[in-house]
Protein backbone atom coordinates (compact mmCIF):
# COMPACT_ATOMS: atom_id res chain seq x y z
CA MET A 1 -22.49 69.63 49.69
CA SER A 2 -22.03 71.02 52.82
CA ARG A 3 -23.22 69.59 56.23
CA ARG A 4 -25.83 72.31 56.64
CA VAL A 5 -27.34 71.65 53.28
CA ARG A 6 -27.34 67.86 53.89
CA LEU A 7 -29.09 68.17 57.12
CA LEU A 8 -31.95 70.75 55.45
CA VAL A 9 -32.44 67.94 53.01
CA PHE A 10 -32.84 65.32 55.58
CA LEU A 11 -35.46 67.39 57.49
CA LEU A 12 -37.21 68.02 54.24
CA SER A 13 -37.35 64.42 53.39
CA GLY A 14 -38.46 63.23 56.98
CA ALA A 15 -41.16 66.03 57.09
CA GLY A 16 -42.56 64.87 53.69
CA VAL A 17 -42.40 61.29 54.85
CA ALA A 18 -43.96 61.79 58.21
CA VAL A 19 -46.63 63.94 56.36
CA LEU A 20 -47.70 60.91 54.22
CA PHE A 21 -47.25 58.39 57.10
CA THR A 22 -49.57 60.23 59.01
CA LEU A 23 -52.36 60.71 56.06
CA ALA A 24 -52.05 57.16 55.64
CA ALA A 25 -52.47 56.08 59.36
CA VAL A 26 -55.62 58.08 59.99
CA ARG A 27 -57.48 56.57 57.03
CA LEU A 28 -56.50 53.10 58.30
CA PRO A 29 -60.13 51.02 58.77
CA ASP A 30 -61.26 50.29 62.23
CA PHE A 31 -59.33 47.37 63.45
CA GLY A 32 -61.98 44.44 63.50
CA GLY A 33 -64.14 46.37 61.06
CA THR A 34 -65.88 45.27 58.01
CA TRP A 35 -64.73 48.01 55.89
CA HIS A 36 -61.22 46.77 53.91
CA PRO A 37 -61.10 48.86 50.59
CA TYR A 38 -57.90 47.04 49.71
CA GLY A 39 -58.78 43.92 49.99
CA GLU A 40 -62.54 44.67 48.20
CA ARG A 41 -59.91 45.54 45.31
CA THR A 42 -57.46 43.12 45.04
CA LEU A 43 -59.63 39.86 45.47
CA PRO A 44 -61.98 40.57 42.63
CA ASN A 45 -59.41 41.61 40.28
CA ALA A 46 -57.54 38.37 41.23
CA ILE A 47 -60.67 36.32 40.52
CA ARG A 48 -61.37 38.46 37.36
CA ARG A 49 -57.72 37.59 35.95
CA HIS A 50 -58.03 33.87 36.74
CA THR A 51 -54.82 34.08 39.17
CA PRO A 52 -55.05 30.79 41.44
CA ASN A 53 -52.93 32.80 44.42
CA VAL A 54 -53.95 36.48 45.08
CA ILE A 55 -50.42 37.40 46.51
CA SER A 56 -48.70 36.76 43.26
CA SER A 57 -51.75 38.52 41.40
CA ILE A 58 -50.92 41.59 43.51
CA ASN A 59 -47.27 41.44 43.11
CA PHE A 60 -46.78 40.62 39.34
CA ASP A 61 -49.92 42.01 38.06
CA GLN A 62 -51.73 44.79 40.18
CA ARG A 63 -48.46 46.21 41.65
CA ALA A 64 -46.65 45.36 38.98
CA PHE A 65 -44.69 48.68 38.78
CA ASP A 66 -43.94 48.44 42.34
CA THR A 67 -42.12 44.95 41.79
CA LEU A 68 -40.36 46.41 38.58
CA GLY A 69 -38.99 48.97 41.21
CA GLU A 70 -37.71 46.34 43.55
CA GLU A 71 -36.29 44.53 40.77
CA LEU A 72 -34.12 47.31 39.42
CA ILE A 73 -32.90 47.69 43.10
CA LEU A 74 -31.53 44.31 43.08
CA MET A 75 -30.38 44.77 39.42
CA ALA A 76 -28.53 48.31 40.56
CA ALA A 77 -27.08 46.79 43.64
CA ALA A 78 -25.76 43.36 42.44
CA LEU A 79 -24.04 45.70 39.50
CA ALA A 80 -22.38 47.78 42.07
CA ALA A 81 -21.19 45.26 44.17
CA VAL A 82 -19.57 43.50 40.84
CA VAL A 83 -18.19 46.58 40.04
CA ILE A 84 -16.50 47.42 43.06
CA LEU A 85 -15.11 43.59 43.71
CA ARG A 86 -14.01 43.39 40.37
CA THR A 87 -11.82 46.77 40.90
CA VAL A 88 -10.70 45.26 44.24
CA ARG A 89 -9.63 42.16 42.55
CA ALA A 90 -7.54 43.67 39.92
CA GLU A 91 -5.73 45.72 42.41
CA GLN A 92 -4.95 42.64 44.15
CA GLU A 93 -3.83 40.90 41.25
CA ASP A 94 -1.51 44.05 40.21
CA ALA A 95 0.03 43.87 43.88
CA ALA A 96 0.38 39.84 43.65
CA GLY A 97 1.87 39.62 40.09
CA ALA A 98 -0.19 36.79 39.59
CA HIS A 99 -3.01 35.01 41.18
CA ALA A 100 -4.56 31.60 41.37
CA TYR A 101 -7.50 29.81 43.38
CA GLY A 102 -6.91 27.42 45.68
CA PRO A 103 -9.26 24.23 46.24
CA ALA A 104 -11.94 23.95 48.45
CA GLU A 105 -10.63 22.76 51.90
CA VAL A 106 -13.45 20.74 53.07
CA SER A 107 -14.01 17.25 54.79
CA ASP A 108 -14.98 13.98 52.77
CA ALA A 109 -18.28 14.47 54.72
CA LEU A 110 -19.32 17.80 53.48
CA ARG A 111 -17.81 17.02 49.72
CA ILE A 112 -20.38 14.00 49.87
CA THR A 113 -23.39 15.86 51.16
CA GLY A 114 -22.39 18.83 48.83
CA TYR A 115 -22.59 15.68 45.87
CA LEU A 116 -26.07 14.49 47.42
CA LEU A 117 -27.55 17.90 48.05
CA LEU A 118 -27.06 19.73 44.64
CA PRO A 119 -29.52 17.92 42.71
CA VAL A 120 -32.44 17.97 45.63
CA ILE A 121 -31.91 21.93 46.02
CA MET A 122 -31.24 22.89 42.05
CA VAL A 123 -34.60 20.63 41.66
CA THR A 124 -36.29 22.42 44.66
CA GLY A 125 -35.66 25.78 43.42
CA VAL A 126 -36.95 25.38 40.09
CA TYR A 127 -39.89 23.96 41.35
CA VAL A 128 -40.40 27.26 43.57
CA VAL A 129 -39.97 29.35 40.34
CA ALA A 130 -42.24 27.24 38.28
CA HIS A 131 -45.09 27.26 40.91
CA GLY A 132 -44.56 30.83 42.29
CA TYR A 133 -48.14 31.88 40.70
CA ILE A 134 -50.03 29.33 42.98
CA SER A 135 -48.20 29.34 46.32
CA PRO A 136 -46.79 32.40 48.23
CA GLY A 137 -43.30 31.69 46.66
CA GLY A 138 -41.94 32.51 43.41
CA GLY A 139 -38.96 34.07 41.51
CA PHE A 140 -37.38 35.81 44.34
CA GLN A 141 -37.14 32.72 46.65
CA GLY A 142 -36.68 30.53 43.79
CA GLY A 143 -33.96 32.70 42.51
CA VAL A 144 -32.36 32.71 45.51
CA VAL A 145 -32.39 29.03 46.03
CA LEU A 146 -30.89 28.44 42.60
CA GLY A 147 -28.09 30.83 43.01
CA SER A 148 -27.00 29.25 46.06
CA ALA A 149 -27.35 25.88 45.11
CA ILE A 150 -24.97 26.31 41.89
CA HIS A 151 -21.93 27.26 44.59
CA LEU A 152 -22.29 23.78 46.54
CA ILE A 153 -20.33 22.58 43.48
CA TYR A 154 -17.38 24.64 44.95
CA LEU A 155 -17.87 22.20 48.29
CA ALA A 156 -18.28 19.13 46.17
CA GLY A 157 -15.35 19.87 44.29
CA ASP A 158 -13.11 22.97 44.01
CA TYR A 159 -13.24 26.35 42.22
CA PRO A 160 -12.16 25.52 38.50
CA ALA A 161 -14.92 23.01 38.77
CA LEU A 162 -17.35 25.92 39.72
CA ALA A 163 -15.99 28.48 37.41
CA ARG A 164 -16.26 25.90 34.27
CA ILE A 165 -19.97 25.73 34.95
CA ARG A 166 -20.36 29.35 36.16
CA PRO A 167 -19.29 31.49 33.11
CA ILE A 168 -19.68 34.93 34.47
CA PRO A 169 -20.51 36.55 31.03
CA MET A 170 -23.67 34.34 30.40
CA PHE A 171 -25.17 35.29 33.83
CA GLU A 172 -24.47 38.94 33.28
CA SER A 173 -26.16 38.62 30.04
CA GLY A 174 -28.97 36.48 31.68
CA GLU A 175 -29.55 39.11 34.72
CA ALA A 176 -29.90 42.24 31.85
CA VAL A 177 -32.27 39.71 29.76
CA ALA A 178 -34.27 38.81 32.58
CA ALA A 179 -34.54 42.38 33.75
CA GLY A 180 -35.26 43.36 30.54
CA VAL A 181 -38.27 41.27 29.77
CA PHE A 182 -39.72 42.03 33.25
CA VAL A 183 -39.62 45.69 32.05
CA LEU A 184 -41.44 44.87 28.86
CA LEU A 185 -44.33 42.63 30.79
CA ALA A 186 -44.94 45.22 33.49
CA LEU A 187 -45.22 47.85 30.86
CA ALA A 188 -47.22 46.44 27.66
CA PHE A 189 -49.03 43.78 29.36
CA ALA A 190 -51.56 42.57 32.14
CA GLY A 191 -52.05 39.32 33.59
CA GLN A 192 -48.84 37.75 32.69
CA VAL A 193 -48.15 36.54 36.16
CA LYS A 194 -46.51 32.95 35.13
CA ALA A 195 -44.09 34.87 32.76
CA MET A 196 -43.38 37.83 35.10
CA ASN A 197 -42.57 35.07 37.98
CA ALA A 198 -39.98 33.47 35.67
CA ALA A 199 -38.29 36.46 34.69
CA VAL A 200 -38.02 37.58 38.52
CA GLY A 201 -36.57 33.84 39.10
CA LEU A 202 -34.08 34.38 36.59
CA GLU A 203 -32.90 37.81 37.14
CA VAL A 204 -32.67 37.02 41.09
CA GLY A 205 -30.68 33.86 40.48
CA CYS A 206 -28.35 35.20 37.99
CA ALA A 207 -27.96 38.75 40.47
CA LEU A 208 -27.08 36.09 43.33
CA VAL A 209 -24.29 34.18 41.40
CA LEU A 210 -22.54 37.20 40.36
CA VAL A 211 -22.49 38.61 43.83
CA LEU A 212 -21.35 35.19 45.30
CA ALA A 213 -18.64 34.53 42.74
CA LYS A 214 -16.98 38.10 43.06
CA PHE A 215 -16.93 37.52 46.90
CA PHE A 216 -15.61 33.94 45.96
CA GLU A 217 -12.67 35.70 44.20
CA GLN A 218 -11.94 37.93 46.84
CA ALA A 219 -11.72 34.91 49.56
CA LEU A 220 -9.80 32.69 47.27
CA LEU A 221 -7.56 34.88 45.89
CA VAL A 222 -3.96 33.40 46.44
CA ARG A 223 -0.77 35.54 46.14
CA LYS A 224 1.91 34.21 44.03
CA ASP A 225 4.82 34.60 46.46
CA ALA A 226 2.54 32.54 49.27
């Protein structure tokens, strides 16, 4: 595609976005007014579906297709990062002839802190996911907490210890299964806020573990001659 064609596509896309933005802005309710069409629709729907948290009702029920798009974007980004970093790692391994992974070079204080914080953060992540339909939290935040907590094992031990409890194929399968479950729930059912929230937590957690795992492999790769 030539530069002129790319510029034309950009201008047409920008013009379309500008038109949509203008149409949306002119129909906004007056500031401080009593007419709130979005709230008048979302609040009764959340109450009718017996969802304790209106935010979760909007994210996982009333706009489940939007959340589905966000899930697929996250999944695609994680897979792209894994594929690219895996290719780079293979090239480095070929250049080095062999590879190994160094231990965690941390102080005893940091190692002890990792041991102490690991169970606390894991429980916190599970709590955030499990109560996402009650409070403005849920699968996205809880999944990030769980995916990050697993890597405290590296600080508390070493890379082999982390690798033993973090089998990459299992997390790849978990991400795919969670994304598939969310798609089915979004297409076939309504009001399944708890189940959809749990699926989001699993998908986000697995995606973060996969991405961090590949970055760890890049950072800790040690050449044989070194």
